Protein backbone atom coordinates (compact mmCIF):
# COMPACT_ATOMS: atom_id res chain seq x y z
CA UNK A 1 0.00 0.00 0.00
CA UNK A 2 1.44 3.39 -0.99
CA UNK A 3 2.26 5.85 1.85
CA UNK A 4 0.09 8.99 1.91
CA UNK A 5 3.12 11.25 1.47
CA UNK A 6 4.32 9.52 -1.71
CA UNK A 7 2.98 10.73 -5.05
CA UNK A 8 3.15 8.33 -7.97
CA UNK A 9 2.52 10.04 -11.29
CA UNK A 10 1.11 7.49 -13.76
CA UNK A 11 3.49 6.54 -16.55
CA UNK A 12 2.86 7.00 -20.21
CA UNK A 13 0.90 3.73 -20.33
CA UNK A 14 -1.72 5.43 -18.14
CA UNK A 15 -1.14 9.03 -19.08
CA UNK A 16 -4.68 10.07 -19.98
CA UNK A 17 -6.25 9.46 -16.59
CA UNK A 18 -3.26 10.98 -14.79
CA UNK A 19 -3.29 14.10 -16.94
CA UNK A 20 -6.98 14.64 -16.27
CA UNK A 21 -6.43 14.48 -12.52
CA UNK A 22 -3.48 16.85 -12.84
CA UNK A 23 -5.63 19.38 -14.72
CA UNK A 24 -8.42 19.18 -12.14
CA UNK A 25 -5.92 19.70 -9.35
CA UNK A 26 -4.15 22.63 -11.00
CA UNK A 27 -7.35 24.67 -11.27
CA UNK A 28 -7.43 25.02 -7.49
CA UNK A 29 -3.68 25.07 -6.90
CA UNK A 30 -1.65 28.17 -5.94
CA UNK A 31 -0.45 30.29 -8.84
CA UNK A 32 3.13 29.02 -8.45
CA UNK A 33 1.92 25.44 -8.90
CA UNK A 34 -0.32 26.27 -11.87
CA UNK A 35 2.50 28.11 -13.65
CA UNK A 36 5.00 25.29 -13.17
CA UNK A 37 6.70 24.73 -16.57
CA UNK A 38 5.60 21.51 -18.27
CA UNK A 39 8.53 21.04 -20.65
CA UNK A 40 12.02 22.32 -21.39
CA UNK A 41 10.68 24.94 -23.80
CA UNK A 42 8.67 26.59 -20.99
CA UNK A 43 11.49 26.37 -18.42
CA UNK A 44 13.36 29.66 -17.85
CA UNK A 45 16.79 29.89 -16.24
CA UNK A 46 19.63 27.48 -15.38
CA UNK A 47 21.19 27.97 -18.81
CA UNK A 48 24.50 26.61 -17.49
CA UNK A 49 22.78 23.20 -17.23
CA UNK A 50 20.08 23.40 -19.91
CA UNK A 51 21.67 25.46 -22.67
CA UNK A 52 22.47 23.82 -25.98
CA UNK A 53 25.17 21.20 -25.45
CA UNK A 54 25.08 21.56 -21.66
CA UNK A 55 25.19 18.52 -19.41
CA UNK A 56 21.58 18.20 -18.25
CA UNK A 57 20.02 18.98 -21.62
CA UNK A 58 22.34 16.43 -23.25
CA UNK A 59 21.32 13.76 -20.72
CA UNK A 60 17.62 14.45 -21.29
CA UNK A 61 17.81 14.57 -25.09
CA UNK A 62 19.84 11.34 -25.18
CA UNK A 63 17.45 9.72 -22.68
CA UNK A 64 20.53 8.68 -20.75
CA UNK A 65 19.92 10.00 -17.26
CA UNK A 66 22.14 9.13 -14.32
CA UNK A 67 21.18 9.66 -10.67
CA UNK A 68 21.53 13.31 -9.71
CA UNK A 69 21.63 15.64 -6.74
CA UNK A 70 20.11 19.07 -7.42
CA UNK A 71 21.70 21.61 -5.05
CA UNK A 72 20.24 25.09 -5.06
CA UNK A 73 18.23 27.74 -3.19
CA UNK A 74 14.43 27.63 -2.77
CA UNK A 75 12.32 28.42 -5.80
CA UNK A 76 15.05 27.90 -8.41
CA UNK A 77 13.32 25.00 -10.20
CA UNK A 78 14.59 21.76 -8.63
CA UNK A 79 11.21 20.02 -8.37
CA UNK A 80 10.01 21.41 -11.69
CA UNK A 81 13.06 20.08 -13.50
CA UNK A 82 12.50 16.62 -12.03
CA UNK A 83 8.91 16.57 -13.34
CA UNK A 84 10.09 17.72 -16.77
CA UNK A 85 12.84 15.10 -16.90
CA UNK A 86 10.35 12.34 -16.09
CA UNK A 87 8.04 13.50 -18.87
CA UNK A 88 10.78 14.04 -21.47
CA UNK A 89 12.45 10.67 -20.78
CA UNK A 90 9.16 8.73 -20.50
CA UNK A 91 9.84 7.53 -16.97
CA UNK A 92 7.43 6.70 -14.19
CA UNK A 93 7.71 9.58 -11.68
CA UNK A 94 7.54 9.10 -7.91
CA UNK A 95 7.68 12.10 -5.59
CA UNK A 96 9.00 11.33 -2.13
CA UNK A 97 9.25 13.70 0.83
CA UNK A 98 12.21 13.27 3.17
CA UNK A 99 10.39 15.25 5.86
CA UNK A 100 7.57 12.77 6.39
CA UNK A 101 9.00 9.40 5.44
CA UNK A 102 11.32 6.70 6.72
CA UNK A 103 13.12 3.52 5.63
CA UNK A 104 9.90 1.47 5.57
CA UNK A 105 8.34 3.71 2.92
CA UNK A 106 11.59 3.77 0.93
CA UNK A 107 11.70 -0.01 0.71
CA UNK A 108 8.05 -0.16 -0.38
CA UNK A 109 8.80 2.23 -3.22
CA UNK A 110 11.80 0.15 -4.30
CA UNK A 111 9.73 -3.05 -4.30
CA UNK A 112 7.23 -1.38 -6.62
CA UNK A 113 10.04 -0.06 -8.82
CA UNK A 114 11.45 -3.58 -9.17
CA UNK A 115 8.04 -4.85 -10.26
CA UNK A 116 7.74 -2.09 -12.88
CA UNK A 117 11.31 -2.79 -14.06
CA UNK A 118 10.38 -6.40 -14.89
CA UNK A 119 7.80 -4.99 -17.33
CA UNK A 120 10.37 -2.68 -18.91
CA UNK A 121 9.27 0.54 -17.21
CA UNK A 122 11.85 2.82 -15.61
CA UNK A 123 11.22 4.72 -12.37
CA UNK A 124 12.47 8.20 -11.55
CA UNK A 125 12.38 8.77 -7.79
CA UNK A 126 12.48 12.43 -6.77
CA UNK A 127 13.56 12.82 -3.14
CA UNK A 128 12.68 16.27 -1.84
CA UNK A 129 15.01 17.66 0.86
CA UNK A 130 17.25 14.61 0.76
CA UNK A 131 19.57 16.23 3.31
CA UNK A 132 16.94 15.54 5.98
CA UNK A 133 17.53 11.79 5.73
CA UNK A 134 19.92 10.36 8.32
CA UNK A 135 22.80 8.04 7.39
CA UNK A 136 20.81 4.82 7.81
CA UNK A 137 18.00 6.11 5.62
CA UNK A 138 20.42 7.22 2.92
CA UNK A 139 22.17 3.82 3.09
CA UNK A 140 18.88 2.20 2.07
CA UNK A 141 19.15 3.82 -1.38
CA UNK A 142 22.53 2.36 -2.26
CA UNK A 143 21.75 -1.17 -3.54
CA UNK A 144 18.80 0.01 -5.65
CA UNK A 145 20.70 2.90 -7.21
CA UNK A 146 23.68 0.59 -7.78
CA UNK A 147 21.51 -1.98 -9.60
CA UNK A 148 19.64 0.66 -11.58
CA UNK A 149 16.25 -0.27 -10.14
CA UNK A 150 15.55 3.44 -9.82
CA UNK A 151 17.12 6.64 -11.01
CA UNK A 152 17.03 9.15 -8.19
CA UNK A 153 17.07 12.91 -8.19
CA UNK A 154 17.68 14.30 -4.73
CA UNK A 155 16.90 17.97 -4.08
CA UNK A 156 18.65 19.92 -1.35
CA UNK A 157 19.24 23.50 -0.29
CA UNK A 158 22.22 22.36 1.83
CA UNK A 159 25.76 21.56 0.70
CA UNK A 160 25.58 17.87 -0.27
CA UNK A 161 29.25 17.39 0.65
CA UNK A 162 28.20 17.73 4.28
CA UNK A 163 24.65 16.38 4.20
CA UNK A 164 24.74 13.40 1.82
CA UNK A 165 26.77 10.27 2.65
CA UNK A 166 29.88 9.65 0.53
CA UNK A 167 28.74 6.30 -0.96
CA UNK A 168 25.54 7.89 -2.27
CA UNK A 169 27.38 10.97 -3.53
CA UNK A 170 29.77 8.73 -5.47
CA UNK A 171 26.78 7.18 -7.28
CA UNK A 172 25.21 10.54 -8.12
CA UNK A 173 26.25 13.57 -10.11
CA UNK A 174 25.85 16.84 -8.21
CA UNK A 175 24.38 19.67 -10.31
CA UNK A 176 24.30 23.15 -8.80
CA UNK A 177 21.23 25.24 -9.61
CA UNK A 178 21.68 28.97 -9.34
CA UNK A 179 19.44 31.59 -7.77
CA UNK A 180 17.21 32.99 -10.49
CA UNK A 181 18.16 36.40 -11.85
CA UNK A 182 15.89 39.36 -11.22
CA UNK A 183 15.21 39.66 -14.95
CA UNK A 184 14.20 35.98 -15.05
CA UNK A 185 11.74 36.48 -12.18
CA UNK A 186 10.35 39.54 -13.96
CA UNK A 187 9.72 37.47 -17.09
CA UNK A 188 7.96 34.76 -15.05
CA UNK A 189 5.67 37.36 -13.44
CA UNK A 190 4.73 38.88 -16.80
CA UNK A 191 3.99 35.43 -18.17
CA UNK A 192 1.70 34.66 -15.20
CA UNK A 193 -0.20 37.92 -15.77
CA UNK A 194 -0.77 37.18 -19.46
CA UNK A 195 -1.50 33.43 -19.31
CA UNK A 196 -5.29 33.09 -19.50
CA UNK A 197 -5.36 29.32 -18.94
CA UNK A 198 -3.09 28.72 -15.94
CA UNK A 199 -2.24 32.24 -14.82
CA UNK A 200 -4.09 35.48 -14.09
CA UNK A 201 -4.74 36.51 -17.69
CA UNK A 202 -8.44 35.65 -17.55
CA UNK A 203 -8.84 38.32 -14.85
CA UNK A 204 -7.51 40.96 -17.28
CA UNK A 205 -5.31 42.43 -14.58
CA UNK A 206 -2.65 45.02 -15.23
CA UNK A 207 0.46 45.73 -13.18
CA UNK A 208 2.71 48.76 -13.29
CA UNK A 209 6.33 48.24 -14.34
CA UNK A 210 7.36 49.73 -11.01
CA UNK A 211 5.33 47.11 -9.11
CA UNK A 212 6.68 44.17 -11.11
CA UNK A 213 10.30 45.32 -10.87
CA UNK A 214 9.97 45.80 -7.11
CA UNK A 215 8.36 42.38 -6.65
CA UNK A 216 10.95 40.60 -8.82
CA UNK A 217 13.71 42.30 -6.83
CA UNK A 218 12.24 41.44 -3.43
CA UNK A 219 11.67 37.78 -4.37
CA UNK A 220 15.37 37.01 -3.72
CA UNK A 221 15.57 34.75 -6.78
CA UNK A 222 12.66 32.58 -5.58
CA UNK A 223 10.07 32.10 -8.37
CA UNK A 224 7.59 30.44 -6.01
CA UNK A 225 7.70 33.40 -3.62
CA UNK A 226 7.29 35.87 -6.49
CA UNK A 227 4.27 34.10 -8.00
CA UNK A 228 2.49 33.50 -4.72
CA UNK A 229 3.01 37.15 -3.74
CA UNK A 230 1.63 38.22 -7.12
CA UNK A 231 -1.49 36.13 -6.43
CA UNK A 232 -1.93 37.81 -3.04
CA UNK A 233 -1.45 41.21 -4.67
CA UNK A 234 -4.11 40.35 -7.26
CA UNK A 235 -6.55 39.56 -4.45
CA UNK A 236 -5.71 42.83 -2.70
CA UNK A 237 -6.20 44.75 -5.94
CA UNK A 238 -9.64 43.21 -6.29
CA UNK A 239 -10.53 43.95 -2.68
CA UNK A 240 -9.51 47.60 -3.04
CA UNK A 241 -11.56 48.06 -6.22
CA UNK A 242 -14.65 46.17 -5.13
CA UNK A 243 -13.81 43.03 -7.10
CA UNK A 244 -11.37 42.35 -9.93
CA UNK A 245 -12.64 43.84 -13.19
CA UNK A 246 -11.20 45.17 -16.41
CA UNK A 247 -8.66 47.87 -15.72
CA UNK A 248 -7.79 46.72 -12.19
CA UNK A 249 -4.14 47.65 -11.67
CA UNK A 250 -1.60 46.15 -9.29
CA UNK A 251 0.49 49.07 -8.06
CA UNK A 252 3.71 49.13 -6.07
CA UNK A 253 1.69 50.08 -2.97
CA UNK A 254 -0.38 46.89 -3.35
CA UNK A 255 2.77 44.79 -3.79
CA UNK A 256 4.26 46.40 -0.69
CA UNK A 257 1.16 45.45 1.24
CA UNK A 258 1.35 41.88 -0.07
CA UNK A 259 5.02 41.66 0.92
CA UNK A 260 4.59 43.69 4.10
CA UNK A 261 7.68 45.61 3.06
CA UNK A 262 8.18 49.21 1.97
CA UNK A 263 10.43 50.28 -0.91
CA UNK A 264 13.44 52.51 -0.41
CA UNK A 265 15.60 53.91 -3.22
CA UNK A 266 17.65 50.71 -3.27
CA UNK A 267 17.28 48.24 -6.11
CA UNK A 268 19.15 45.09 -5.11
CA UNK A 269 19.69 44.23 -8.74
CA UNK A 270 20.45 47.75 -9.98
CA UNK A 271 22.85 50.66 -9.76
CA UNK A 272 21.84 51.90 -6.31
CA UNK A 273 22.61 48.48 -4.79
CA UNK A 274 26.18 48.67 -6.06
CA UNK A 275 26.51 52.33 -5.10
CA UNK A 276 25.53 51.69 -1.48
CA UNK A 277 27.62 48.54 -0.96
CA UNK A 278 30.56 50.37 -2.55
CA UNK A 279 30.08 53.29 -0.15
CA UNK A 280 29.92 50.85 2.77
CA UNK A 281 33.13 49.00 1.85
CA UNK A 282 35.02 52.20 1.12
CA UNK A 283 33.91 53.66 4.47
CA UNK A 284 35.30 50.57 6.25
CA UNK A 285 38.52 50.70 4.24
CA UNK A 286 38.79 54.44 4.91
CA UNK A 287 38.48 53.91 8.71
CA UNK A 288 35.25 55.94 8.98
CA UNK A 289 32.99 54.06 11.46
CA UNK A 290 30.20 56.67 11.34
CA UNK A 291 29.82 56.49 7.56
CA UNK A 292 30.08 52.69 7.66
CA UNK A 293 27.23 52.51 10.20
CA UNK A 294 25.10 54.84 8.09
CA UNK A 295 25.50 52.78 4.92
CA UNK A 296 24.89 49.60 6.92
CA UNK A 297 21.63 51.08 8.20
CA UNK A 298 20.61 52.07 4.65
CA UNK A 299 21.05 48.50 3.45
CA UNK A 300 19.27 46.89 6.39
CA UNK A 301 16.32 49.26 6.17
CA UNK A 302 16.00 48.58 2.44
CA UNK A 303 15.80 44.83 3.02
CA UNK A 304 19.29 43.78 1.94
CA UNK A 305 20.26 40.26 3.00
CA UNK A 306 22.46 40.69 6.12
CA UNK A 307 24.40 37.55 5.15
CA UNK A 308 25.46 39.28 1.93
CA UNK A 309 26.76 42.22 3.98
CA UNK A 310 28.58 39.92 6.39
CA UNK A 311 30.23 37.99 3.57
CA UNK A 312 31.57 41.25 2.17
CA UNK A 313 32.87 42.17 5.62
CA UNK A 314 34.75 38.85 5.85
CA UNK A 315 36.38 39.57 2.48
CA UNK A 316 37.36 43.05 3.63
CA UNK A 317 38.84 41.69 6.87
CA UNK A 318 41.41 39.74 4.82
CA UNK A 319 41.76 42.04 1.82
CA UNK A 320 42.07 45.43 3.54
CA UNK A 321 43.08 44.64 7.14
CA UNK A 322 44.91 41.34 6.89
CA UNK A 323 47.73 40.82 9.36
CA UNK A 324 47.68 44.44 10.48
CA UNK A 325 45.05 43.06 12.88
CA UNK A 326 44.62 39.27 12.55
CA UNK A 327 41.67 39.43 14.94
CA UNK A 328 39.60 41.31 12.31
CA UNK A 329 38.93 38.10 10.39
CA UNK A 330 37.91 36.34 13.61
CA UNK A 331 35.53 39.19 14.44
CA UNK A 332 33.94 39.12 10.97
CA UNK A 333 33.49 35.33 10.94
CA UNK A 334 32.16 35.36 14.50
CA UNK A 335 29.67 38.07 13.52
CA UNK A 336 28.40 35.87 10.68
CA UNK A 337 28.02 32.86 12.99
CA UNK A 338 26.34 34.94 15.69
CA UNK A 339 23.89 36.43 13.19
CA UNK A 340 22.95 32.97 11.92
CA UNK A 341 22.11 31.99 15.51
CA UNK A 342 20.07 35.04 16.51
CA UNK A 343 18.82 36.64 13.28
CA UNK A 344 17.08 40.00 13.12
CA UNK A 345 16.28 42.36 14.73
CA UNK A 346 18.90 41.65 17.45
CA UNK A 347 21.43 40.73 14.76
CA UNK A 348 21.78 44.41 13.90
CA UNK A 349 23.72 44.84 17.15
CA UNK A 350 26.24 42.17 16.16
CA UNK A 351 26.57 43.79 12.75
CA UNK A 352 27.12 47.20 14.33
CA UNK A 353 29.85 45.87 16.64
CA UNK A 354 31.70 44.13 13.81
CA UNK A 355 31.41 47.15 11.51
CA UNK A 356 32.89 49.55 14.05
CA UNK A 357 35.74 47.12 14.81
CA UNK A 358 36.66 46.67 11.16
CA UNK A 359 36.39 50.39 10.46
CA UNK A 360 38.77 51.36 13.27
CA UNK A 361 41.28 48.51 12.77
CA UNK A 362 44.71 49.23 11.23
CA UNK A 363 44.75 48.52 7.51
CA UNK A 364 47.05 46.50 5.24
CA UNK A 365 46.45 44.85 1.88
CA UNK A 366 49.77 42.98 1.90
CA UNK A 367 48.15 39.53 2.10
CA UNK A 368 45.81 40.44 -0.78
CA UNK A 369 48.71 41.67 -2.92
CA UNK A 370 50.77 38.63 -1.91
CA UNK A 371 48.31 35.97 -3.06
CA UNK A 372 47.63 37.84 -6.31
CA UNK A 373 51.37 38.05 -6.95
CA UNK A 374 51.82 34.34 -6.27
CA UNK A 375 48.91 33.46 -8.60
CA UNK A 376 50.40 35.63 -11.34
CA UNK A 377 53.72 33.78 -10.99
CA UNK A 378 52.04 30.37 -11.16
CA UNK A 379 50.17 31.37 -14.33
CA UNK A 380 53.42 32.68 -15.80
CA UNK A 381 55.84 29.89 -14.87
CA UNK A 382 53.45 26.93 -14.73
CA UNK A 383 53.81 23.85 -12.52
CA UNK A 384 57.47 24.06 -11.53
CA UNK A 385 58.87 20.83 -10.00
CA UNK A 386 58.51 20.43 -6.22
CA UNK A 387 62.03 20.31 -4.71
CA UNK A 388 62.97 16.72 -3.89
CA UNK A 389 63.77 17.46 -0.25
CA UNK A 390 60.19 18.55 0.54
CA UNK A 391 58.38 15.87 -1.48
CA UNK A 392 56.33 13.23 0.30
CA UNK A 393 58.02 9.80 0.43
CA UNK A 394 55.46 7.19 1.57
CA UNK A 395 57.00 4.28 -0.41
CA UNK A 396 60.43 2.64 -0.64
CA UNK A 397 60.70 3.46 -4.36
CA UNK A 398 60.10 7.15 -3.70
CA UNK A 399 62.78 7.18 -1.04
CA UNK A 400 65.21 5.50 -3.45
CA UNK A 401 64.43 8.21 -5.98
CA UNK A 402 65.47 10.85 -3.45
CA UNK A 403 62.06 12.01 -2.32
CA UNK A 404 62.42 13.71 1.07
CA UNK A 405 66.22 13.36 1.09
CA UNK A 406 67.91 16.19 2.92
CA UNK A 407 64.71 17.54 4.46
CA UNK A 408 65.47 19.52 7.61
CA UNK A 409 62.80 19.08 10.28
CA UNK A 410 62.25 22.56 11.76
CA UNK A 411 61.79 21.33 15.33
CA UNK A 412 65.26 19.76 15.33
CA UNK A 413 66.83 23.22 15.15
CA UNK A 414 67.31 26.09 17.55
CA UNK A 415 64.26 28.39 17.71
CA UNK A 416 62.32 25.86 15.57
CA UNK A 417 63.73 27.24 12.32
CA UNK A 418 65.93 25.37 9.83
CA UNK A 419 66.09 28.10 7.16
CA UNK A 420 65.70 25.61 4.31
CA UNK A 421 64.46 26.88 0.91
CA UNK A 422 60.99 25.58 0.05
CA UNK A 423 60.31 27.35 -3.25
CA UNK A 424 61.03 25.69 -6.61
CA UNK A 425 64.64 26.16 -7.71
CA UNK A 426 63.79 28.76 -10.36
CA UNK A 427 62.02 30.93 -7.76
CA UNK A 428 64.48 30.56 -4.88
CA UNK A 429 64.57 33.73 -2.79
CA UNK A 430 61.44 35.23 -4.40
CA UNK A 431 59.17 37.21 -2.03
CA UNK A 432 55.44 37.52 -2.47
CA UNK A 433 54.45 38.81 0.98
CA UNK A 434 55.67 42.30 1.83
CA UNK A 435 54.10 43.49 5.11
CA UNK A 436 53.56 47.24 5.30
CA UNK A 437 54.32 47.74 8.98
CA UNK A 438 50.82 48.77 10.07
CA UNK A 439 49.49 47.47 13.38
CA UNK A 440 50.59 43.91 14.11
CA UNK A 441 52.55 43.82 10.86
CA UNK A 442 55.33 45.69 12.70
CA UNK A 443 55.87 42.49 14.69
CA UNK A 444 55.74 40.43 11.49
CA UNK A 445 58.43 42.59 9.86
CA UNK A 446 60.67 42.14 12.89
CA UNK A 447 60.13 38.37 12.74
CA UNK A 448 60.82 38.22 9.00
CA UNK A 449 64.01 40.28 9.41
CA UNK A 450 65.19 37.87 12.10
CA UNK A 451 64.36 34.86 9.91
CA UNK A 452 66.29 36.39 7.02
CA UNK A 453 69.37 36.87 9.17
CA UNK A 454 69.00 33.42 10.71
CA UNK A 455 68.55 31.68 7.36
CA UNK A 456 71.54 29.63 6.34
CA UNK A 457 73.33 29.84 9.68
CA UNK A 458 74.42 26.55 11.30
CA UNK A 459 72.26 25.50 14.27
């Protein structure tokens, strides 16, 4: 008997009855469900996977699908793509929720899949939120995936490297789906307004460009959120005009009410977004805590994602402060972790503390310049041979070839320093890191001067 939380879409041998039920269901479904693309031609976005000659499109067109893990943010099309793949490759589609199910239900699905396989029918098992399965539950997939009883597509918003067991990962190909662009969301909204069969077109609604741009910007790349908000806004427009009728217009004020969020002059996908984040970073780099706090407040009030701000602060802590104050990176990372634990509105306090620390810290870009210089050298000179004395020598043959010969173990020497050259022979003596002497870098310069004098001396 099939579990209640498992949806089995009839295969092509029973397509008519299944399609009728799907149509009846979609008439009462949320707008996001009704507007779900039905084939690759209707699907918008993820061109890096579905463009001509790209990996996923090639798999689908060749009807040669391997088990996959779709990793991407909410509303980017993971579930939709799985439905499309099942239809395009003529596979029986089974939807399975990791939130509500356990090993018992998994095994029942696999028993059914084996029965269908004996009749020549393939099964595509879509596992929503696969990261919620524990190790034992994920282990249950292995023999069936290995034997090809089912092809699975697991969907996750979490990094599969941490959330999916290694044996299952090795049997699946991980495909990363990207957050949808603001222009893509805008196109989806316009399509929903004009579609008279599945969308809102039969209501003859209009929406101002300002309203649609604001909604597509505030959706954070989530098509489901954008469409469901549009449906709420359509209801509000009807309520404000005494019922939806010809000429009813969705304005930015109605969208703001639907989102419960006001619009500032700050388009997260446009020029003002880049102007404000630039002003914020340059205020931190310029050691102006008051200006940095102001631009931080502008972004928070406009609805910017605080995690985006914190990620930029972590970059700045290494790029513009570096070893002038090594604690700056710790402060920035700790602020990110603290914010993830407490969220808003209290998280603004953590942000404020980190911003004022970074703004008033001594500045140095020596580490930033150093890594760029080293990368430039690698691109110029290529993969120069690793000196024999610092090569790894785990086997007898390698030792006979001189691997590790002459290596000087630092802790065998006075002050824990042997002074042995570790760069390739052609780059011996080359310096990439040049501390500027700001803040703690004064101590680093003193240490490097001592190491230079000590280098080559007998212990």
